[in-house]
Amino acid sequence: MTSQVRRFTDYFVPLLMAVGGLIVGRVAFGYAAQQGANLYWQAGLAVLAYTLTVALLGRVGNDDPYEAVADATRALAYVIQAALAGALELLCLAVQLLAFIGGHLAPAPATT
């Protein structure tokens, strides 16, 4: 049971912090857009809001804020990497399926 709790706290809790940071960052991005700020300010405020939110959540959880930001961003990167790997696998399967269907629909080679 201890290893399951450890795995939960190592992977899921930082991911929840990252999701919370992304939500607050998106709100800050939208607020900056409403105020007419250019794209650089919008992105900068979104990153700042993400970082501060995750650091604050880390402090609330008695963690080092720097480690909380690093763990949350790492967990988010793992999720993005898994999603992109899954999309790449689906793309490869689609190409193989098209090659299979195209091979069966092509005319037979002429033999003499």
N, C-alpha and C. Protein backbone atom coordinates (compact mmCIF):
# COMPACT_ATOMS: atom_id res chain seq x y z
N MET A 1 0.83 -1.21 0.00
CA MET A 1 0.00 0.00 0.00
C MET A 1 0.86 1.26 0.00
N THR A 2 2.00 1.19 0.63
CA THR A 2 2.86 2.37 0.70
C THR A 2 3.39 2.74 -0.68
N SER A 3 3.74 1.76 -1.51
CA SER A 3 4.25 2.07 -2.84
C SER A 3 3.18 2.71 -3.72
N GLN A 4 1.92 2.30 -3.53
CA GLN A 4 0.84 2.91 -4.31
C GLN A 4 0.62 4.36 -3.89
N VAL A 5 0.70 4.62 -2.61
CA VAL A 5 0.54 6.00 -2.14
C VAL A 5 1.71 6.85 -2.62
N ARG A 6 2.90 6.28 -2.60
CA ARG A 6 4.08 7.00 -3.07
C ARG A 6 3.96 7.32 -4.56
N ARG A 7 3.50 6.36 -5.34
CA ARG A 7 3.32 6.59 -6.77
C ARG A 7 2.26 7.66 -7.01
N PHE A 8 1.20 7.64 -6.22
CA PHE A 8 0.14 8.65 -6.34
C PHE A 8 0.70 10.04 -6.07
N THR A 9 1.46 10.17 -5.01
CA THR A 9 2.00 11.49 -4.67
C THR A 9 3.10 11.92 -5.62
N ASP A 10 3.79 10.97 -6.26
CA ASP A 10 4.88 11.34 -7.17
C ASP A 10 4.39 11.75 -8.54
N TYR A 11 3.26 11.22 -8.98
CA TYR A 11 2.80 11.48 -10.34
C TYR A 11 1.49 12.25 -10.42
N PHE A 12 0.52 11.88 -9.61
CA PHE A 12 -0.81 12.46 -9.78
C PHE A 12 -0.93 13.83 -9.14
N VAL A 13 -0.37 14.01 -7.96
CA VAL A 13 -0.48 15.31 -7.27
C VAL A 13 0.23 16.41 -8.07
N PRO A 14 1.47 16.19 -8.59
CA PRO A 14 2.05 17.24 -9.43
C PRO A 14 1.24 17.51 -10.70
N LEU A 15 0.61 16.47 -11.23
CA LEU A 15 -0.22 16.68 -12.41
C LEU A 15 -1.44 17.53 -12.06
N LEU A 16 -2.02 17.32 -10.89
CA LEU A 16 -3.13 18.17 -10.46
C LEU A 16 -2.67 19.61 -10.27
N MET A 17 -1.47 19.79 -9.72
CA MET A 17 -0.94 21.15 -9.57
C MET A 17 -0.74 21.80 -10.94
N ALA A 18 -0.24 21.01 -11.91
CA ALA A 18 -0.02 21.56 -13.25
C ALA A 18 -1.34 21.95 -13.90
N VAL A 19 -2.37 21.15 -13.72
CA VAL A 19 -3.68 21.47 -14.29
C VAL A 19 -4.23 22.75 -13.66
N GLY A 20 -4.09 22.86 -12.34
CA GLY A 20 -4.52 24.09 -11.68
C GLY A 20 -3.76 25.30 -12.18
N GLY A 21 -2.45 25.14 -12.38
CA GLY A 21 -1.65 26.23 -12.91
C GLY A 21 -2.04 26.60 -14.33
N LEU A 22 -2.37 25.58 -15.14
CA LEU A 22 -2.80 25.86 -16.50
C LEU A 22 -4.13 26.61 -16.54
N ILE A 23 -5.02 26.26 -15.63
CA ILE A 23 -6.31 26.96 -15.59
C ILE A 23 -6.12 28.42 -15.22
N VAL A 24 -5.32 28.67 -14.19
CA VAL A 24 -5.07 30.05 -13.77
C VAL A 24 -4.30 30.80 -14.85
N GLY A 25 -3.34 30.12 -15.50
CA GLY A 25 -2.60 30.76 -16.58
C GLY A 25 -3.48 31.13 -17.76
N ARG A 26 -4.45 30.27 -18.06
CA ARG A 26 -5.39 30.57 -19.15
C ARG A 26 -6.28 31.75 -18.80
N VAL A 27 -6.68 31.83 -17.56
CA VAL A 27 -7.49 32.98 -17.12
C VAL A 27 -6.67 34.27 -17.23
N ALA A 28 -5.41 34.22 -16.81
CA ALA A 28 -4.55 35.41 -16.91
C ALA A 28 -4.33 35.79 -18.37
N PHE A 29 -4.17 34.79 -19.23
CA PHE A 29 -4.00 35.05 -20.66
C PHE A 29 -5.23 35.74 -21.23
N GLY A 30 -6.41 35.24 -20.88
CA GLY A 30 -7.65 35.85 -21.36
C GLY A 30 -7.86 37.26 -20.82
N TYR A 31 -7.50 37.46 -19.55
CA TYR A 31 -7.65 38.80 -18.97
C TYR A 31 -6.72 39.79 -19.67
N ALA A 32 -5.48 39.37 -19.94
CA ALA A 32 -4.54 40.27 -20.63
C ALA A 32 -5.02 40.55 -22.05
N ALA A 33 -5.64 39.57 -22.69
CA ALA A 33 -6.16 39.79 -24.04
C ALA A 33 -7.33 40.77 -24.01
N GLN A 34 -8.16 40.66 -22.98
CA GLN A 34 -9.28 41.61 -22.86
C GLN A 34 -8.80 43.03 -22.66
N GLN A 35 -7.69 43.18 -21.96
CA GLN A 35 -7.17 44.52 -21.69
C GLN A 35 -6.39 45.10 -22.86
N GLY A 36 -6.23 44.32 -23.92
CA GLY A 36 -5.57 44.82 -25.12
C GLY A 36 -4.06 44.67 -25.12
N ALA A 37 -3.52 43.84 -24.25
CA ALA A 37 -2.07 43.62 -24.23
C ALA A 37 -1.66 42.82 -25.46
N ASN A 38 -0.41 43.02 -25.89
CA ASN A 38 0.04 42.25 -27.05
C ASN A 38 0.33 40.81 -26.64
N LEU A 39 0.65 39.99 -27.63
CA LEU A 39 0.78 38.55 -27.40
C LEU A 39 1.92 38.21 -26.44
N TYR A 40 3.00 38.98 -26.47
CA TYR A 40 4.13 38.71 -25.57
C TYR A 40 3.74 38.92 -24.12
N TRP A 41 3.00 39.98 -23.85
CA TRP A 41 2.53 40.21 -22.49
C TRP A 41 1.53 39.15 -22.06
N GLN A 42 0.68 38.75 -22.96
CA GLN A 42 -0.30 37.71 -22.63
C GLN A 42 0.40 36.40 -22.25
N ALA A 43 1.36 36.00 -23.07
CA ALA A 43 2.08 34.76 -22.79
C ALA A 43 2.91 34.88 -21.52
N GLY A 44 3.53 36.02 -21.32
CA GLY A 44 4.33 36.23 -20.11
C GLY A 44 3.49 36.18 -18.85
N LEU A 45 2.33 36.80 -18.89
CA LEU A 45 1.44 36.76 -17.72
C LEU A 45 0.89 35.36 -17.48
N ALA A 46 0.64 34.61 -18.56
CA ALA A 46 0.17 33.24 -18.40
C ALA A 46 1.24 32.36 -17.76
N VAL A 47 2.48 32.49 -18.18
CA VAL A 47 3.57 31.71 -17.59
C VAL A 47 3.79 32.12 -16.15
N LEU A 48 3.74 33.41 -15.87
CA LEU A 48 3.90 33.88 -14.50
C LEU A 48 2.78 33.35 -13.61
N ALA A 49 1.55 33.38 -14.09
CA ALA A 49 0.42 32.88 -13.30
C ALA A 49 0.55 31.38 -13.06
N TYR A 50 0.97 30.63 -14.08
CA TYR A 50 1.18 29.18 -13.92
C TYR A 50 2.23 28.91 -12.85
N THR A 51 3.37 29.59 -12.95
CA THR A 51 4.47 29.36 -12.03
C THR A 51 4.09 29.73 -10.60
N LEU A 52 3.47 30.87 -10.44
CA LEU A 52 3.09 31.29 -9.09
C LEU A 52 2.01 30.39 -8.49
N THR A 53 1.08 29.94 -9.30
CA THR A 53 0.03 29.05 -8.80
C THR A 53 0.60 27.72 -8.34
N VAL A 54 1.47 27.14 -9.15
CA VAL A 54 2.05 25.85 -8.78
C VAL A 54 2.96 26.00 -7.56
N ALA A 55 3.71 27.10 -7.50
CA ALA A 55 4.56 27.33 -6.33
C ALA A 55 3.73 27.52 -5.07
N LEU A 56 2.62 28.24 -5.18
CA LEU A 56 1.75 28.42 -4.03
C LEU A 56 1.12 27.10 -3.60
N LEU A 57 0.68 26.30 -4.56
CA LEU A 57 0.13 24.99 -4.21
C LEU A 57 1.20 24.09 -3.58
N GLY A 58 2.43 24.22 -4.03
CA GLY A 58 3.52 23.47 -3.42
C GLY A 58 3.79 23.91 -1.99
N ARG A 59 3.72 25.22 -1.76
CA ARG A 59 3.91 25.73 -0.39
C ARG A 59 2.79 25.26 0.52
N VAL A 60 1.57 25.25 0.01
CA VAL A 60 0.44 24.78 0.82
C VAL A 60 0.64 23.31 1.18
N GLY A 61 1.20 22.54 0.26
CA GLY A 61 1.43 21.13 0.51
C GLY A 61 2.73 20.83 1.23
N ASN A 62 3.38 21.85 1.79
CA ASN A 62 4.65 21.70 2.52
C ASN A 62 5.77 21.17 1.64
N ASP A 63 5.79 21.54 0.39
CA ASP A 63 6.86 21.17 -0.53
C ASP A 63 7.69 22.40 -0.84
N ASP A 64 8.87 22.17 -1.37
CA ASP A 64 9.70 23.26 -1.85
C ASP A 64 9.04 23.83 -3.11
N PRO A 65 8.83 25.13 -3.19
CA PRO A 65 8.14 25.69 -4.37
C PRO A 65 8.86 25.41 -5.69
N TYR A 66 10.19 25.44 -5.67
CA TYR A 66 10.94 25.17 -6.90
C TYR A 66 10.75 23.72 -7.34
N GLU A 67 10.80 22.80 -6.39
CA GLU A 67 10.58 21.39 -6.72
C GLU A 67 9.15 21.15 -7.16
N ALA A 68 8.20 21.87 -6.58
CA ALA A 68 6.80 21.71 -6.98
C ALA A 68 6.61 22.15 -8.42
N VAL A 69 7.21 23.27 -8.81
CA VAL A 69 7.10 23.74 -10.19
C VAL A 69 7.79 22.75 -11.13
N ALA A 70 8.96 22.26 -10.74
CA ALA A 70 9.68 21.31 -11.60
C ALA A 70 8.90 20.00 -11.73
N ASP A 71 8.36 19.49 -10.63
CA ASP A 71 7.60 18.23 -10.69
C ASP A 71 6.33 18.38 -11.50
N ALA A 72 5.63 19.50 -11.32
CA ALA A 72 4.38 19.72 -12.05
C ALA A 72 4.65 19.85 -13.55
N THR A 73 5.68 20.58 -13.90
CA THR A 73 6.00 20.75 -15.32
C THR A 73 6.48 19.43 -15.92
N ARG A 74 7.23 18.65 -15.15
CA ARG A 74 7.67 17.33 -15.62
C ARG A 74 6.48 16.41 -15.84
N ALA A 75 5.53 16.41 -14.91
CA ALA A 75 4.34 15.58 -15.07
C ALA A 75 3.53 16.00 -16.29
N LEU A 76 3.43 17.29 -16.51
CA LEU A 76 2.72 17.79 -17.69
C LEU A 76 3.45 17.40 -18.97
N ALA A 77 4.76 17.44 -18.94
CA ALA A 77 5.54 17.04 -20.12
C ALA A 77 5.36 15.54 -20.40
N TYR A 78 5.27 14.72 -19.35
CA TYR A 78 5.03 13.29 -19.55
C TYR A 78 3.69 13.04 -20.22
N VAL A 79 2.68 13.79 -19.80
CA VAL A 79 1.35 13.62 -20.40
C VAL A 79 1.36 14.06 -21.86
N ILE A 80 2.01 15.16 -22.15
CA ILE A 80 2.09 15.64 -23.53
C ILE A 80 2.87 14.65 -24.39
N GLN A 81 3.96 14.11 -23.84
CA GLN A 81 4.76 13.14 -24.59
C GLN A 81 3.95 11.88 -24.88
N ALA A 82 3.18 11.41 -23.90
CA ALA A 82 2.37 10.22 -24.12
C ALA A 82 1.28 10.48 -25.15
N ALA A 83 0.67 11.66 -25.11
CA ALA A 83 -0.37 11.99 -26.09
C ALA A 83 0.21 12.08 -27.50
N LEU A 84 1.38 12.70 -27.63
CA LEU A 84 1.99 12.79 -28.96
C LEU A 84 2.45 11.43 -29.46
N ALA A 85 2.95 10.59 -28.56
CA ALA A 85 3.35 9.24 -28.98
C ALA A 85 2.14 8.43 -29.43
N GLY A 86 1.02 8.58 -28.73
CA GLY A 86 -0.21 7.89 -29.14
C GLY A 86 -0.71 8.39 -30.48
N ALA A 87 -0.64 9.70 -30.70
CA ALA A 87 -1.08 10.26 -31.98
C ALA A 87 -0.17 9.79 -33.11
N LEU A 88 1.13 9.69 -32.84
CA LEU A 88 2.06 9.21 -33.85
C LEU A 88 1.81 7.74 -34.19
N GLU A 89 1.50 6.95 -33.18
CA GLU A 89 1.17 5.54 -33.43
C GLU A 89 -0.10 5.41 -34.28
N LEU A 90 -1.10 6.22 -33.98
CA LEU A 90 -2.33 6.19 -34.78
C LEU A 90 -2.06 6.63 -36.22
N LEU A 91 -1.19 7.61 -36.39
CA LEU A 91 -0.84 8.05 -37.73
C LEU A 91 -0.12 6.94 -38.49
N CYS A 92 0.78 6.25 -37.82
CA CYS A 92 1.49 5.13 -38.47
C CYS A 92 0.51 4.02 -38.85
N LEU A 93 -0.43 3.72 -37.97
CA LEU A 93 -1.43 2.70 -38.29
C LEU A 93 -2.30 3.12 -39.47
N ALA A 94 -2.65 4.40 -39.54
CA ALA A 94 -3.45 4.89 -40.66
C ALA A 94 -2.69 4.78 -41.98
N VAL A 95 -1.40 5.10 -41.95
CA VAL A 95 -0.59 4.99 -43.17
C VAL A 95 -0.47 3.52 -43.59
N GLN A 96 -0.29 2.63 -42.63
CA GLN A 96 -0.21 1.21 -42.95
C GLN A 96 -1.53 0.70 -43.53
N LEU A 97 -2.64 1.17 -42.98
CA LEU A 97 -3.95 0.77 -43.49
C LEU A 97 -4.15 1.27 -44.91
N LEU A 98 -3.76 2.51 -45.17
CA LEU A 98 -3.87 3.04 -46.53
C LEU A 98 -2.98 2.27 -47.50
N ALA A 99 -1.78 1.90 -47.07
CA ALA A 99 -0.89 1.12 -47.93
C ALA A 99 -1.47 -0.26 -48.19
N PHE A 100 -2.09 -0.85 -47.17
CA PHE A 100 -2.69 -2.17 -47.33
C PHE A 100 -3.85 -2.11 -48.31
N ILE A 101 -4.72 -1.12 -48.14
CA ILE A 101 -5.87 -0.98 -49.04
C ILE A 101 -5.40 -0.63 -50.45
N GLY A 102 -4.44 0.26 -50.55
CA GLY A 102 -3.92 0.64 -51.86
C GLY A 102 -3.25 -0.52 -52.57
N GLY A 103 -2.60 -1.39 -51.83
CA GLY A 103 -1.98 -2.56 -52.43
C GLY A 103 -2.99 -3.54 -52.97
N HIS A 104 -4.14 -3.63 -52.32
CA HIS A 104 -5.18 -4.54 -52.79
C HIS A 104 -6.01 -3.95 -53.92
N LEU A 105 -6.07 -2.63 -54.01
CA LEU A 105 -6.85 -2.01 -55.07
C LEU A 105 -6.04 -1.76 -56.33
N ALA A 106 -4.72 -1.85 -56.23
CA ALA A 106 -3.88 -1.61 -57.41
C ALA A 106 -4.04 -2.73 -58.41
N PRO A 107 -3.88 -2.42 -59.67
CA PRO A 107 -3.98 -3.50 -60.67
C PRO A 107 -2.84 -4.49 -60.50
N ALA A 108 -3.11 -5.69 -60.86
CA ALA A 108 -2.08 -6.73 -60.75
C ALA A 108 -0.95 -6.46 -61.73
N PRO A 109 0.26 -6.79 -61.35
CA PRO A 109 1.37 -6.54 -62.26
C PRO A 109 1.26 -7.47 -63.48
N ALA A 110 1.65 -6.93 -64.61
CA ALA A 110 1.58 -7.70 -65.85
C ALA A 110 2.68 -8.75 -65.86
N THR A 111 2.31 -9.94 -66.17
CA THR A 111 3.29 -11.02 -66.27
C THR A 111 3.29 -11.55 -67.68
N THR A 112 4.42 -11.89 -68.18
CA THR A 112 4.48 -12.44 -69.55
C THR A 112 5.10 -13.81 -69.54
